[in-house]
Amino acid sequence: MLKNIFQFYYHGFKNMTIGKKLWSIIIIKLAVMFLILKLFFPPNFLKVNFKTDKERSNHIINQLTK
């Protein structure tokens, strides 16, 4: 059964014409989203500055109640 499923998708992707271009565009977009844009976002402030969940939650409560 798994062999039949694999062969179905293998032959489907092998015989694609326009689909190969579309998959390449999708892969390029994903690479831009996850690899390049990740560099521009700052690190997680709470994970960097606080070690435990308790410290993180106390910090958030203090910031919201001030």
C-alpha atoms as a PDB file:
ATOM      1  CA  MET A   1       0.000   0.000   0.000  1.00  0.00           C
ATOM      2  CA  LEU A   2       2.764   2.478   0.922  1.00  0.00           C
ATOM      3  CA  LYS A   3       4.643   1.527  -2.235  1.00  0.00           C
ATOM      4  CA  ASN A   4       1.576   2.322  -4.354  1.00  0.00           C
ATOM      5  CA  ILE A   5       1.141   5.690  -2.646  1.00  0.00           C
ATOM      6  CA  PHE A   6       4.817   6.524  -3.160  1.00  0.00           C
ATOM      7  CA  GLN A   7       4.688   5.529  -6.835  1.00  0.00           C
ATOM      8  CA  PHE A   8       1.531   7.592  -7.343  1.00  0.00           C
ATOM      9  CA  TYR A   9       3.181  10.767  -6.063  1.00  0.00           C
ATOM     10  CA  TYR A  10       6.553   9.978  -7.655  1.00  0.00           C
ATOM     11  CA  HIS A  11       5.066   9.596 -11.132  1.00  0.00           C
ATOM     12  CA  GLY A  12       2.811  12.601 -10.591  1.00  0.00           C
ATOM     13  CA  PHE A  13       5.690  14.908  -9.697  1.00  0.00           C
ATOM     14  CA  LYS A  14       7.905  13.406 -12.394  1.00  0.00           C
ATOM     15  CA  ASN A  15       5.397  14.167 -15.157  1.00  0.00           C
ATOM     16  CA  MET A  16       4.653  17.735 -14.063  1.00  0.00           C
ATOM     17  CA  THR A  17       5.397  20.643 -16.373  1.00  0.00           C
ATOM     18  CA  ILE A  18       3.985  23.848 -14.887  1.00  0.00           C
ATOM     19  CA  GLY A  19       3.891  22.325 -11.417  1.00  0.00           C
ATOM     20  CA  LYS A  20       7.694  22.227 -11.186  1.00  0.00           C
ATOM     21  CA  LYS A  21       7.855  25.987 -11.658  1.00  0.00           C
ATOM     22  CA  LEU A  22       5.121  26.515  -9.083  1.00  0.00           C
ATOM     23  CA  TRP A  23       6.880  24.278  -6.538  1.00  0.00           C
ATOM     24  CA  SER A  24      10.122  26.177  -7.087  1.00  0.00           C
ATOM     25  CA  ILE A  25       8.314  29.471  -6.419  1.00  0.00           C
ATOM     26  CA  ILE A  26       6.792  28.008  -3.241  1.00  0.00           C
ATOM     27  CA  ILE A  27      10.195  26.806  -2.027  1.00  0.00           C
ATOM     28  CA  ILE A  28      11.766  30.206  -2.717  1.00  0.00           C
ATOM     29  CA  LYS A  29       8.977  31.959  -0.810  1.00  0.00           C
ATOM     30  CA  LEU A  30       9.371  29.619   2.158  1.00  0.00           C
ATOM     31  CA  ALA A  31      13.121  30.177   2.159  1.00  0.00           C
ATOM     32  CA  VAL A  32      12.577  33.940   2.226  1.00  0.00           C
ATOM     33  CA  MET A  33      10.004  33.703   4.998  1.00  0.00           C
ATOM     34  CA  PHE A  34      11.868  31.347   7.305  1.00  0.00           C
ATOM     35  CA  LEU A  35      15.532  32.028   6.614  1.00  0.00           C
ATOM     36  CA  ILE A  36      15.891  35.676   5.659  1.00  0.00           C
ATOM     37  CA  LEU A  37      13.059  37.300   7.621  1.00  0.00           C
ATOM     38  CA  LYS A  38      14.047  35.365  10.752  1.00  0.00           C
ATOM     39  CA  LEU A  39      17.246  37.415  10.832  1.00  0.00           C
ATOM     40  CA  PHE A  40      15.292  40.673  11.144  1.00  0.00           C
ATOM     41  CA  PHE A  41      13.171  39.677  14.131  1.00  0.00           C
ATOM     42  CA  PRO A  42      14.695  40.165  17.577  1.00  0.00           C
ATOM     43  CA  PRO A  43      15.198  37.184  19.893  1.00  0.00           C
ATOM     44  CA  ASN A  44      12.485  36.236  22.327  1.00  0.00           C
ATOM     45  CA  PHE A  45      12.863  38.788  25.135  1.00  0.00           C
ATOM     46  CA  LEU A  46      11.344  36.610  27.835  1.00  0.00           C
ATOM     47  CA  LYS A  47      13.372  33.502  26.984  1.00  0.00           C
ATOM     48  CA  VAL A  48      16.615  35.472  26.877  1.00  0.00           C
ATOM     49  CA  ASN A  49      16.142  37.422  30.108  1.00  0.00           C
ATOM     50  CA  PHE A  50      14.252  34.967  32.323  1.00  0.00           C
ATOM     51  CA  LYS A  51      15.051  31.321  33.030  1.00  0.00           C
ATOM     52  CA  THR A  52      11.774  29.907  34.342  1.00  0.00           C
ATOM     53  CA  ASP A  53       8.121  30.263  33.431  1.00  0.00           C
ATOM     54  CA  LYS A  54       7.424  31.633  36.903  1.00  0.00           C
ATOM     55  CA  GLU A  55       9.878  34.515  36.381  1.00  0.00           C
ATOM     56  CA  ARG A  56       8.397  35.238  32.957  1.00  0.00           C
ATOM     57  CA  SER A  57       4.845  35.294  34.273  1.00  0.00           C
ATOM     58  CA  ASN A  58       5.819  37.554  37.200  1.00  0.00           C
ATOM     59  CA  HIS A  59       7.478  39.985  34.803  1.00  0.00           C
ATOM     60  CA  ILE A  60       4.401  40.093  32.568  1.00  0.00           C
ATOM     61  CA  ILE A  61       2.059  40.614  35.526  1.00  0.00           C
ATOM     62  CA  ASN A  62       4.262  43.406  36.857  1.00  0.00           C
ATOM     63  CA  GLN A  63       4.353  45.122  33.469  1.00  0.00           C
ATOM     64  CA  LEU A  64       0.581  44.878  32.994  1.00  0.00           C
ATOM     65  CA  THR A  65      -0.335  46.112  36.463  1.00  0.00           C
ATOM     66  CA  LYS A  66       1.953  49.154  36.524  1.00  0.00           C
END
